[in-house]
Amino acid sequence: MKAPLSRVWLGMLLIAASSLVFSTAGLFTRLIDLDAWTMLFWRGLFGGLFIAGFVVWRDGRCALAALRAIGRDGLMVALCSALATVCFLNALRLTSVADVLVIGATAPFVTAAMAWVFIGEREDLMTLLASLVAVLGVVVMVGAALAEGRLLGNLLALAMTGFLSLMMVILRKCRGVDMVPATGLSAFLCAAIVLPFANPASAEGMNFVLLVLFGSVQFGLGLILLALGGRLVSATRTALISILDTPLAPLWVWLAFGEVPAAATLAGGAIVMVAVLGDMLLTRRHLLLTRGVRR
């Protein structure tokens, strides 16, 4: 039985909003004058506190029950999210940003394969074609830098993609379970993993204020929106829409700091936007037509 149009459309909008929020990471990393590990520690801590506060606000006395309800699948979501972050950080150290972005853009295909194998969910051809166009768009964005990569870094980027894809499949599989508390656990786990390399005491003044916003808005809110939206649409479509943060990230840096992206970045970003938004609009049209026929 297919989900109602309103739920599918809401899910796509929530995931798009999540990508929009996640894409602001570059702004915060430019504004915060601290080392990466310290930023990630506070980002994870404030992100986890933000999500915990949201769950308590929403569920009140039932917040602990909501946490227990995530079960083993929820723990897997938290672990996959945290491991993806660790793999991402180390991939950036060992290979080029371009390679990491292109490998990450293959997430819809990895997700589609996992969804088919683990939960029997087959994606429609339209979304798979849109995913292919989105990957080509990312290649156009960063194609000139692809030769800079190294094998180990690329393998870590592939592992990152695999963990994110598995997380999206679990979110879809357990769509009857609220996984927002699981994303809070993942944020705290990220903070714990990077703590040995961080210097939390160095955060003060405006840096600390920006870290609060970085953790709560960019990370915490982004995870909440992803967890809520991932329940309502297919795992592959979740992965496809999540690619939106790739072209949006340089756009915000351009608007905030006046750093004009290269022509290839703009062209590739436009291709990604057209692919994702086209899939969303065509999906909505298809669902409207299907509902009309059934009536």
Protein backbone atom coordinates (compact mmCIF):
# COMPACT_ATOMS: atom_id res chain seq x y z
CA MET A 1 0.00 0.00 0.00
CA LYS A 2 1.46 3.34 -1.11
CA ALA A 3 1.78 6.24 1.31
CA PRO A 4 -0.70 9.13 0.86
CA LEU A 5 0.48 12.04 -1.26
CA SER A 6 0.55 14.42 1.70
CA ARG A 7 2.89 12.16 3.68
CA VAL A 8 5.28 11.57 0.77
CA TRP A 9 5.39 15.28 -0.10
CA LEU A 10 5.91 16.21 3.55
CA GLY A 11 8.74 13.67 3.79
CA MET A 12 10.48 15.11 0.73
CA LEU A 13 10.17 18.64 2.09
CA LEU A 14 11.56 17.59 5.48
CA ILE A 15 14.58 15.92 3.87
CA ALA A 16 15.14 18.94 1.62
CA ALA A 17 15.02 21.16 4.71
CA SER A 18 17.51 18.84 6.39
CA SER A 19 19.89 19.20 3.42
CA LEU A 20 19.46 22.97 3.52
CA VAL A 21 20.40 23.06 7.21
CA PHE A 22 23.34 20.65 6.79
CA SER A 23 24.69 22.75 3.91
CA THR A 24 25.49 25.63 6.30
CA ALA A 25 28.42 23.71 7.79
CA GLY A 26 30.89 25.65 5.64
CA LEU A 27 29.64 28.94 7.05
CA PHE A 28 30.20 27.86 10.63
CA THR A 29 33.63 26.35 9.98
CA ARG A 30 34.70 29.63 8.38
CA LEU A 31 33.38 31.74 11.26
CA ILE A 32 34.66 29.61 14.17
CA ASP A 33 38.36 30.07 14.86
CA LEU A 34 39.11 26.69 16.45
CA ASP A 35 40.63 23.38 15.41
CA ALA A 36 38.38 20.86 13.68
CA TRP A 37 38.30 18.33 16.54
CA THR A 38 37.21 20.92 19.09
CA MET A 39 34.51 22.18 16.74
CA LEU A 40 33.23 18.65 16.20
CA PHE A 41 33.18 17.90 19.92
CA TRP A 42 31.02 20.92 20.74
CA ARG A 43 28.93 20.37 17.60
CA GLY A 44 28.12 16.83 18.73
CA LEU A 45 27.48 17.81 22.34
CA PHE A 46 25.20 20.75 21.55
CA GLY A 47 23.53 18.76 18.79
CA GLY A 48 22.75 15.95 21.21
CA LEU A 49 21.46 18.37 23.85
CA PHE A 50 19.27 20.10 21.26
CA ILE A 51 17.73 16.80 20.14
CA ALA A 52 17.26 15.66 23.75
CA GLY A 53 15.53 18.94 24.54
CA PHE A 54 13.26 18.52 21.51
CA VAL A 55 12.28 15.00 22.57
CA VAL A 56 11.54 16.12 26.14
CA TRP A 57 9.53 19.11 24.86
CA ARG A 58 7.56 16.91 22.49
CA ASP A 59 7.06 13.80 24.63
CA GLY A 60 7.25 15.14 28.18
CA ARG A 61 7.20 12.29 30.68
CA CYS A 62 7.21 9.79 27.82
CA ALA A 63 10.66 10.90 26.63
CA LEU A 64 12.45 7.95 28.27
CA ALA A 65 9.89 5.57 26.79
CA ALA A 66 10.58 7.06 23.36
CA LEU A 67 14.30 6.46 23.87
CA ARG A 68 13.75 2.84 24.89
CA ALA A 69 11.42 2.28 21.94
CA ILE A 70 14.23 2.75 19.37
CA GLY A 71 15.51 -0.75 20.19
CA ARG A 72 18.46 -2.35 18.44
CA ASP A 73 17.62 -0.72 15.13
CA GLY A 74 17.84 2.69 16.78
CA LEU A 75 21.23 1.84 18.22
CA MET A 76 22.32 0.84 14.71
CA VAL A 77 21.12 4.21 13.38
CA ALA A 78 23.18 6.00 16.05
CA LEU A 79 26.25 3.86 15.36
CA CYS A 80 26.01 4.26 11.57
CA SER A 81 25.65 8.03 11.85
CA ALA A 82 28.64 8.34 14.18
CA LEU A 83 30.86 6.01 12.11
CA ALA A 84 29.95 7.91 8.94
CA THR A 85 31.15 11.12 10.59
CA VAL A 86 34.46 9.51 11.63
CA CYS A 87 35.01 8.07 8.16
CA PHE A 88 34.19 11.44 6.59
CA LEU A 89 36.71 13.30 8.75
CA ASN A 90 39.51 10.86 8.04
CA ALA A 91 38.67 10.65 4.34
CA LEU A 92 39.11 14.41 4.07
CA ARG A 93 42.57 14.04 5.60
CA LEU A 94 43.67 11.25 3.26
CA THR A 95 42.10 12.17 -0.09
CA SER A 96 40.72 15.17 -1.95
CA VAL A 97 37.45 16.87 -1.09
CA ALA A 98 36.43 16.24 -4.70
CA ASP A 99 36.76 12.48 -4.36
CA VAL A 100 34.81 12.48 -1.11
CA LEU A 101 31.97 14.46 -2.69
CA VAL A 102 31.76 12.28 -5.79
CA ILE A 103 31.85 9.04 -3.82
CA GLY A 104 29.26 10.43 -1.42
CA ALA A 105 27.03 11.31 -4.36
CA THR A 106 26.71 7.59 -5.19
CA ALA A 107 24.67 7.15 -1.99
CA PRO A 108 21.32 6.80 -3.84
CA PHE A 109 22.60 3.77 -5.74
CA VAL A 110 24.19 2.18 -2.68
CA THR A 111 20.99 2.87 -0.75
CA ALA A 112 18.82 1.43 -3.52
CA ALA A 113 20.83 -1.82 -3.49
CA MET A 114 20.66 -2.09 0.31
CA ALA A 115 16.95 -1.29 0.39
CA TRP A 116 16.27 -4.00 -2.19
CA VAL A 117 18.35 -6.62 -0.37
CA PHE A 118 17.36 -5.87 3.24
CA ILE A 119 13.77 -4.61 3.09
CA GLY A 120 12.62 -5.55 -0.41
CA GLU A 121 12.01 -1.94 -1.44
CA ARG A 122 12.43 -1.39 -5.19
CA GLU A 123 12.99 2.16 -6.36
CA ASP A 124 11.26 3.50 -9.47
CA LEU A 125 13.26 4.21 -12.62
CA MET A 126 12.60 7.96 -12.44
CA THR A 127 14.39 8.35 -9.12
CA LEU A 128 17.32 6.18 -10.23
CA LEU A 129 17.74 8.28 -13.38
CA ALA A 130 17.57 11.47 -11.30
CA SER A 131 20.25 10.00 -9.03
CA LEU A 132 22.47 9.35 -12.04
CA VAL A 133 22.02 12.94 -13.24
CA ALA A 134 22.85 14.20 -9.72
CA VAL A 135 26.08 12.17 -9.66
CA LEU A 136 27.05 13.62 -13.04
CA GLY A 137 26.36 17.08 -11.66
CA VAL A 138 28.71 16.49 -8.73
CA VAL A 139 31.38 15.20 -11.14
CA VAL A 140 31.04 18.42 -13.14
CA MET A 141 31.39 20.45 -9.93
CA VAL A 142 34.64 18.85 -8.80
CA GLY A 143 35.89 16.95 -11.85
CA ALA A 144 39.13 18.92 -12.21
CA ALA A 145 40.31 17.80 -8.76
CA LEU A 146 39.49 14.09 -8.99
CA ALA A 147 43.04 13.01 -9.75
CA GLU A 148 44.26 14.12 -6.31
CA GLY A 149 42.74 11.23 -4.37
CA ARG A 150 44.39 8.36 -2.55
CA LEU A 151 43.15 4.82 -2.16
CA LEU A 152 42.74 4.70 1.64
CA GLY A 153 40.91 8.02 1.72
CA ASN A 154 38.60 6.89 -1.06
CA LEU A 155 37.87 3.65 0.76
CA LEU A 156 36.95 5.63 3.87
CA ALA A 157 34.67 7.84 1.76
CA LEU A 158 33.04 4.68 0.42
CA ALA A 159 32.61 3.39 3.99
CA MET A 160 31.03 6.72 4.93
CA THR A 161 28.59 6.32 2.05
CA GLY A 162 27.80 2.78 3.12
CA PHE A 163 27.08 3.75 6.72
CA LEU A 164 24.84 6.64 5.66
CA SER A 165 22.98 4.41 3.21
CA LEU A 166 22.44 1.75 5.86
CA MET A 167 21.15 4.40 8.26
CA MET A 168 18.61 5.58 5.68
CA VAL A 169 17.47 2.02 5.01
CA ILE A 170 16.94 1.40 8.73
CA LEU A 171 14.98 4.65 9.06
CA ARG A 172 12.73 3.48 6.26
CA LYS A 173 12.44 -0.07 7.58
CA CYS A 174 11.44 1.18 11.04
CA ARG A 175 9.11 3.92 9.82
CA GLY A 176 6.65 2.96 12.54
CA VAL A 177 9.25 3.84 15.20
CA ASP A 178 10.32 7.38 16.10
CA MET A 179 14.09 7.48 15.51
CA VAL A 180 14.68 11.06 16.61
CA PRO A 181 16.10 9.87 19.98
CA ALA A 182 18.52 7.66 18.04
CA THR A 183 19.92 10.69 16.22
CA GLY A 184 20.49 12.33 19.60
CA LEU A 185 22.52 9.32 20.69
CA SER A 186 24.55 9.55 17.46
CA ALA A 187 25.38 13.20 18.18
CA PHE A 188 26.60 12.39 21.70
CA LEU A 189 28.58 9.43 20.33
CA CYS A 190 30.30 11.71 17.79
CA ALA A 191 31.32 14.05 20.62
CA ALA A 192 32.71 11.13 22.62
CA ILE A 193 34.72 9.80 19.67
CA VAL A 194 36.50 13.10 18.96
CA LEU A 195 36.98 14.16 22.60
CA PRO A 196 40.51 12.64 22.93
CA PHE A 197 41.69 14.91 20.09
CA ALA A 198 39.77 18.04 21.09
CA ASN A 199 40.51 20.95 23.41
CA PRO A 200 37.06 21.94 24.73
CA ALA A 201 38.43 24.59 27.10
CA SER A 202 39.68 26.65 24.15
CA ALA A 203 36.12 27.59 23.16
CA GLU A 204 35.16 30.98 24.55
CA GLY A 205 33.48 34.25 23.65
CA MET A 206 31.88 34.51 20.22
CA ASN A 207 33.37 31.16 19.23
CA PHE A 208 31.32 29.51 21.97
CA VAL A 209 28.12 31.27 20.82
CA LEU A 210 28.73 30.11 17.26
CA LEU A 211 29.41 26.57 18.49
CA VAL A 212 26.01 26.53 20.20
CA LEU A 213 24.37 27.50 16.90
CA PHE A 214 26.56 25.07 14.94
CA GLY A 215 25.54 22.16 17.13
CA SER A 216 21.89 22.98 17.62
CA VAL A 217 20.85 24.43 14.25
CA GLN A 218 23.20 22.85 11.71
CA PHE A 219 23.59 19.42 13.34
CA GLY A 220 20.75 18.85 15.78
CA LEU A 221 17.96 20.33 13.68
CA GLY A 222 19.35 18.69 10.56
CA LEU A 223 19.27 15.24 12.18
CA ILE A 224 15.75 15.75 13.49
CA LEU A 225 14.45 16.71 10.05
CA LEU A 226 16.24 13.76 8.45
CA ALA A 227 14.82 11.28 10.97
CA LEU A 228 11.29 12.60 10.54
CA GLY A 229 11.44 12.77 6.75
CA GLY A 230 13.22 9.45 6.25
CA ARG A 231 10.17 7.61 7.61
CA LEU A 232 7.86 8.99 4.92
CA VAL A 233 9.69 8.38 1.63
CA SER A 234 11.82 5.64 0.14
CA ALA A 235 15.39 5.23 1.38
CA THR A 236 16.78 5.91 -2.12
CA ARG A 237 14.83 9.15 -2.50
CA THR A 238 16.07 10.22 0.94
CA ALA A 239 19.65 9.70 -0.25
CA LEU A 240 18.98 11.57 -3.49
CA ILE A 241 17.45 14.64 -1.86
CA SER A 242 20.26 14.67 0.72
CA ILE A 243 22.72 15.41 -2.11
CA LEU A 244 21.27 18.93 -2.21
CA ASP A 245 23.75 20.04 0.46
CA THR A 246 26.62 19.62 -2.06
CA PRO A 247 25.61 22.50 -4.38
CA LEU A 248 24.08 24.59 -1.58
CA ALA A 249 27.25 24.70 0.57
CA PRO A 250 29.35 26.84 -1.84
CA LEU A 251 26.31 29.03 -2.48
CA TRP A 252 26.12 30.14 1.17
CA VAL A 253 29.88 30.79 1.28
CA TRP A 254 29.51 32.89 -1.87
CA LEU A 255 26.68 34.95 -0.39
CA ALA A 256 28.33 35.37 3.02
CA PHE A 257 31.99 35.89 2.07
CA GLY A 258 31.85 36.93 -1.57
CA GLU A 259 33.85 33.89 -2.73
CA VAL A 260 32.57 33.37 -6.25
CA PRO A 261 32.44 29.64 -7.13
CA ALA A 262 34.09 28.41 -10.29
CA ALA A 263 31.94 28.11 -13.41
CA ALA A 264 32.09 24.32 -13.17
CA THR A 265 30.83 24.47 -9.58
CA LEU A 266 27.87 26.58 -10.60
CA ALA A 267 27.08 24.41 -13.63
CA GLY A 268 27.38 21.15 -11.73
CA GLY A 269 25.37 22.53 -8.84
CA ALA A 270 22.59 23.55 -11.23
CA ILE A 271 22.51 20.01 -12.63
CA VAL A 272 22.19 18.55 -9.13
CA MET A 273 19.41 20.98 -8.23
CA VAL A 274 17.47 20.21 -11.41
CA ALA A 275 17.83 16.45 -10.85
CA VAL A 276 16.64 16.55 -7.23
CA LEU A 277 13.87 19.11 -7.63
CA GLY A 278 12.74 17.45 -10.86
CA ASP A 279 12.38 14.10 -9.11
CA MET A 280 10.43 15.70 -6.27
CA LEU A 281 8.02 17.50 -8.61
CA LEU A 282 7.56 14.53 -10.95
CA THR A 283 6.93 12.28 -7.96
CA ARG A 284 4.27 14.67 -6.70
CA ARG A 285 2.67 14.82 -10.16
CA HIS A 286 2.73 11.03 -10.47
CA LEU A 287 1.08 10.60 -7.08
CA LEU A 288 -1.58 13.18 -7.96
CA LEU A 289 -2.35 11.39 -11.22
CA THR A 290 -2.44 8.02 -9.49
CA ARG A 291 -4.83 9.31 -6.86
CA GLY A 292 -7.02 10.84 -9.58
CA VAL A 293 -7.20 7.55 -11.47
CA ARG A 294 -8.14 5.62 -8.33
CA ARG A 295 -10.96 8.03 -7.63
